[in-house]
Amino acid sequence: MNDGRTGRQGPYWIFLYSVYGVAMVAQVCLLFLLPAGRIAWLRHVGWALFVVSAILGWLPILLFRRHGHVAKGKSYMHTTELVTSGLYAIVRHPQFLASDFLAVAVLCIAQHWGVYLAGGVGVGVNHLTMIKADHDLVEKFGEPYHKYKLLVPQWNFLIGLWSWVRQRRNDRLRW
C-alpha cells in the first residue's frame, strides 16, 4: 500500500482539472443565463437527474466515514479500508458518476449547444480522471481493489444494480 497520495498531480493534471473546472462552471453559468429549454419533459428529466446527482455526490462521504476507517480530523477521502458495500457494491466511483449526472442534468434543463459543448468536455475529462483514480486505488489497496474492479462496474449504475440484485438473489437461494 502507498501513503494515499494521488498520482493525479503535475502539469498534465493541473491542465485537465482546469479544463474540467472551466467546463463545469461554464455549463452552470449558462444554465442560469439562458432561458430554460423548450422541451418540458426533458427539463423534468434534468431536474430528476440533478437530485440523483446530489445523492450520488453526498452519500459516499457518509459511507467512507462509516466504513473506510478514516482517521479523526482527516478528509473522508483518506480511507484506510476499501469500501465495497452500499453504493460501492453497485458502482466503484459514485462521485464521478454524480458529476456526469450533473452535466447531463444541466444539458437536459438548458437544451443549448454551448451547454452541450461544455458538458461534453467536462464528462470527457471526468472519465480520464476516473481511469486514473482506478490506477491509484490499485496502488493503494493492491489485489483486493483489483478483484473489486472485476466485480463492480466503474460508472455504469444500471449494470451495477443488475449485478447487485442478481448477487443478492443468488445469495438468498443458497440459504
Protein backbone atom coordinates (compact mmCIF):
# COMPACT_ATOMS: atom_id res chain seq x y z
CA MET A 1 0.00 0.00 0.00
CA ASN A 2 1.17 3.53 -0.68
CA ASP A 3 0.78 6.56 1.56
CA GLY A 4 -2.54 7.58 -0.01
CA ARG A 5 -1.27 10.46 -2.12
CA THR A 6 -2.84 10.66 -5.54
CA GLY A 7 -0.88 10.18 -8.73
CA ARG A 8 -3.05 12.91 -10.28
CA GLN A 9 -0.53 15.71 -9.84
CA GLY A 10 1.73 17.72 -12.09
CA PRO A 11 1.15 19.98 -15.11
CA TYR A 12 -0.94 17.49 -17.11
CA TRP A 13 -3.41 17.02 -14.28
CA ILE A 14 -3.45 20.71 -13.39
CA PHE A 15 -4.37 21.39 -17.01
CA LEU A 16 -7.07 18.72 -17.05
CA TYR A 17 -8.58 19.87 -13.75
CA SER A 18 -8.55 23.45 -15.05
CA VAL A 19 -10.33 22.43 -18.25
CA TYR A 20 -12.83 20.42 -16.20
CA GLY A 21 -13.44 23.34 -13.83
CA VAL A 22 -13.93 25.84 -16.64
CA ALA A 23 -16.28 23.47 -18.48
CA MET A 24 -18.43 22.79 -15.43
CA VAL A 25 -18.55 26.46 -14.36
CA ALA A 26 -19.44 27.45 -17.93
CA GLN A 27 -22.18 24.86 -18.00
CA VAL A 28 -23.73 26.00 -14.72
CA CYS A 29 -23.39 29.71 -15.63
CA LEU A 30 -25.08 29.09 -18.96
CA LEU A 31 -27.86 27.25 -17.14
CA PHE A 32 -28.64 30.44 -15.21
CA LEU A 33 -28.01 32.88 -18.06
CA LEU A 34 -30.00 31.11 -20.77
CA PRO A 35 -33.74 30.54 -20.81
CA ALA A 36 -34.82 27.00 -19.95
CA GLY A 37 -35.06 24.59 -22.85
CA ARG A 38 -38.32 24.25 -24.76
CA ILE A 39 -38.89 20.52 -24.26
CA ALA A 40 -40.69 20.33 -20.92
CA TRP A 41 -40.34 16.58 -20.29
CA LEU A 42 -36.58 16.83 -20.89
CA ARG A 43 -36.35 19.64 -18.32
CA HIS A 44 -38.14 17.38 -15.81
CA VAL A 45 -35.68 14.57 -16.55
CA GLY A 46 -32.89 17.08 -15.96
CA TRP A 47 -34.20 18.07 -12.54
CA ALA A 48 -34.61 14.40 -11.58
CA LEU A 49 -31.00 13.75 -12.63
CA PHE A 50 -29.95 16.78 -10.60
CA VAL A 51 -31.47 15.19 -7.47
CA VAL A 52 -29.82 11.82 -8.24
CA SER A 53 -26.51 13.64 -8.75
CA ALA A 54 -26.80 15.24 -5.32
CA ILE A 55 -27.46 11.87 -3.68
CA LEU A 56 -24.58 10.18 -5.52
CA GLY A 57 -22.32 13.10 -4.64
CA TRP A 58 -23.02 13.23 -0.90
CA LEU A 59 -23.73 9.61 0.07
CA PRO A 60 -20.10 8.48 -0.43
CA ILE A 61 -18.97 10.96 2.21
CA LEU A 62 -21.13 9.17 4.78
CA LEU A 63 -20.13 5.71 3.55
CA PHE A 64 -16.41 6.49 3.64
CA ARG A 65 -16.66 7.95 7.13
CA ARG A 66 -18.62 4.94 8.37
CA HIS A 67 -16.81 2.07 6.63
CA GLY A 68 -13.47 3.47 5.40
CA HIS A 69 -11.70 3.80 8.76
CA VAL A 70 -10.95 7.48 8.24
CA ALA A 71 -8.72 8.95 10.97
CA LYS A 72 -10.35 11.61 13.12
CA GLY A 73 -9.82 15.06 11.64
CA LYS A 74 -8.93 13.71 8.17
CA SER A 75 -10.88 14.18 4.94
CA TYR A 76 -13.34 11.43 4.06
CA MET A 77 -11.08 10.66 1.09
CA HIS A 78 -8.33 9.39 3.41
CA THR A 79 -9.74 5.92 3.86
CA THR A 80 -7.56 3.12 5.12
CA GLU A 81 -10.09 0.39 4.36
CA LEU A 82 -11.53 -0.45 0.94
CA VAL A 83 -15.27 0.30 0.95
CA THR A 84 -17.23 -2.18 -1.18
CA SER A 85 -20.66 -2.12 0.48
CA GLY A 86 -23.74 0.00 -0.04
CA LEU A 87 -23.48 2.22 -3.07
CA TYR A 88 -19.94 0.94 -3.65
CA ALA A 89 -21.38 -2.53 -4.30
CA ILE A 90 -23.12 -1.03 -7.36
CA VAL A 91 -20.53 1.39 -8.82
CA ARG A 92 -16.89 1.99 -7.99
CA HIS A 93 -16.98 5.75 -8.50
CA PRO A 94 -20.35 7.23 -7.47
CA GLN A 95 -18.98 10.76 -7.14
CA PHE A 96 -17.59 10.71 -10.68
CA LEU A 97 -20.97 9.36 -11.78
CA ALA A 98 -22.63 12.22 -9.86
CA SER A 99 -20.55 14.67 -11.88
CA ASP A 100 -21.68 13.04 -15.13
CA PHE A 101 -25.31 13.11 -13.99
CA LEU A 102 -24.95 16.79 -13.08
CA ALA A 103 -23.57 17.56 -16.55
CA VAL A 104 -26.40 15.63 -18.24
CA ALA A 105 -28.96 17.26 -15.91
CA VAL A 106 -27.81 20.72 -16.97
CA LEU A 107 -27.88 19.62 -20.63
CA CYS A 108 -31.47 18.46 -20.26
CA ILE A 109 -32.58 21.62 -18.47
CA ALA A 110 -30.85 24.21 -20.68
CA GLN A 111 -31.03 22.44 -24.05
CA HIS A 112 -28.44 24.75 -25.65
CA TRP A 113 -25.43 23.93 -27.84
CA GLY A 114 -22.99 25.82 -25.55
CA VAL A 115 -24.10 23.72 -22.61
CA TYR A 116 -23.72 20.56 -24.72
CA LEU A 117 -20.16 21.53 -25.63
CA ALA A 118 -19.14 22.39 -22.07
CA GLY A 119 -20.84 19.27 -20.71
CA GLY A 120 -19.12 17.03 -23.24
CA VAL A 121 -15.71 18.41 -22.31
CA GLY A 122 -16.50 18.03 -18.60
CA VAL A 123 -17.66 14.43 -18.97
CA GLY A 124 -14.64 13.54 -21.11
CA VAL A 125 -12.16 14.90 -18.57
CA ASN A 126 -14.15 13.30 -15.75
CA HIS A 127 -13.74 9.88 -17.39
CA LEU A 128 -9.98 10.36 -17.87
CA THR A 129 -9.74 11.17 -14.16
CA MET A 130 -11.85 8.14 -13.27
CA ILE A 131 -9.50 5.83 -15.17
CA LYS A 132 -6.52 7.31 -13.32
CA ALA A 133 -8.35 7.01 -9.99
CA ASP A 134 -8.71 3.27 -10.60
CA HIS A 135 -4.97 3.02 -11.19
CA ASP A 136 -4.27 4.97 -7.99
CA LEU A 137 -6.62 2.77 -5.99
CA VAL A 138 -4.97 -0.42 -7.24
CA GLU A 139 -1.68 1.05 -5.99
CA LYS A 140 -3.25 1.99 -2.65
CA PHE A 141 -5.23 -1.19 -1.91
CA GLY A 142 -3.50 -3.76 -4.14
CA GLU A 143 -5.09 -7.07 -5.06
CA PRO A 144 -8.36 -6.50 -3.13
CA TYR A 145 -9.09 -3.46 -5.31
CA HIS A 146 -8.13 -5.34 -8.45
CA LYS A 147 -10.65 -8.07 -7.53
CA TYR A 148 -13.25 -5.40 -6.71
CA LYS A 149 -12.73 -3.89 -10.18
CA LEU A 150 -13.66 -7.22 -11.72
CA LEU A 151 -16.94 -7.40 -9.79
CA VAL A 152 -18.26 -3.82 -9.80
CA PRO A 153 -18.52 -1.53 -12.83
CA GLN A 154 -16.64 1.74 -12.86
CA TRP A 155 -19.62 4.01 -13.53
CA ASN A 156 -22.48 2.08 -15.16
CA PHE A 157 -25.16 2.27 -12.49
CA LEU A 158 -27.69 0.10 -14.36
CA ILE A 159 -25.28 -2.80 -14.93
CA GLY A 160 -24.02 -2.47 -11.36
CA LEU A 161 -27.55 -2.50 -9.95
CA TRP A 162 -28.46 -5.50 -12.10
CA SER A 163 -25.37 -7.40 -10.92
CA TRP A 164 -26.03 -6.46 -7.29
CA VAL A 165 -29.67 -7.65 -7.48
CA ARG A 166 -28.61 -10.93 -9.13
CA GLN A 167 -25.93 -11.48 -6.47
CA ARG A 168 -28.40 -10.82 -3.64
CA ARG A 169 -30.92 -13.20 -5.20
CA ASN A 170 -28.27 -15.91 -5.63
CA ASP A 171 -27.17 -15.43 -2.00
CA ARG A 172 -30.76 -15.95 -0.79
CA LEU A 173 -31.20 -19.06 -2.95
CA ARG A 174 -28.10 -20.65 -1.37
CA TRP A 175 -29.68 -20.46 2.10
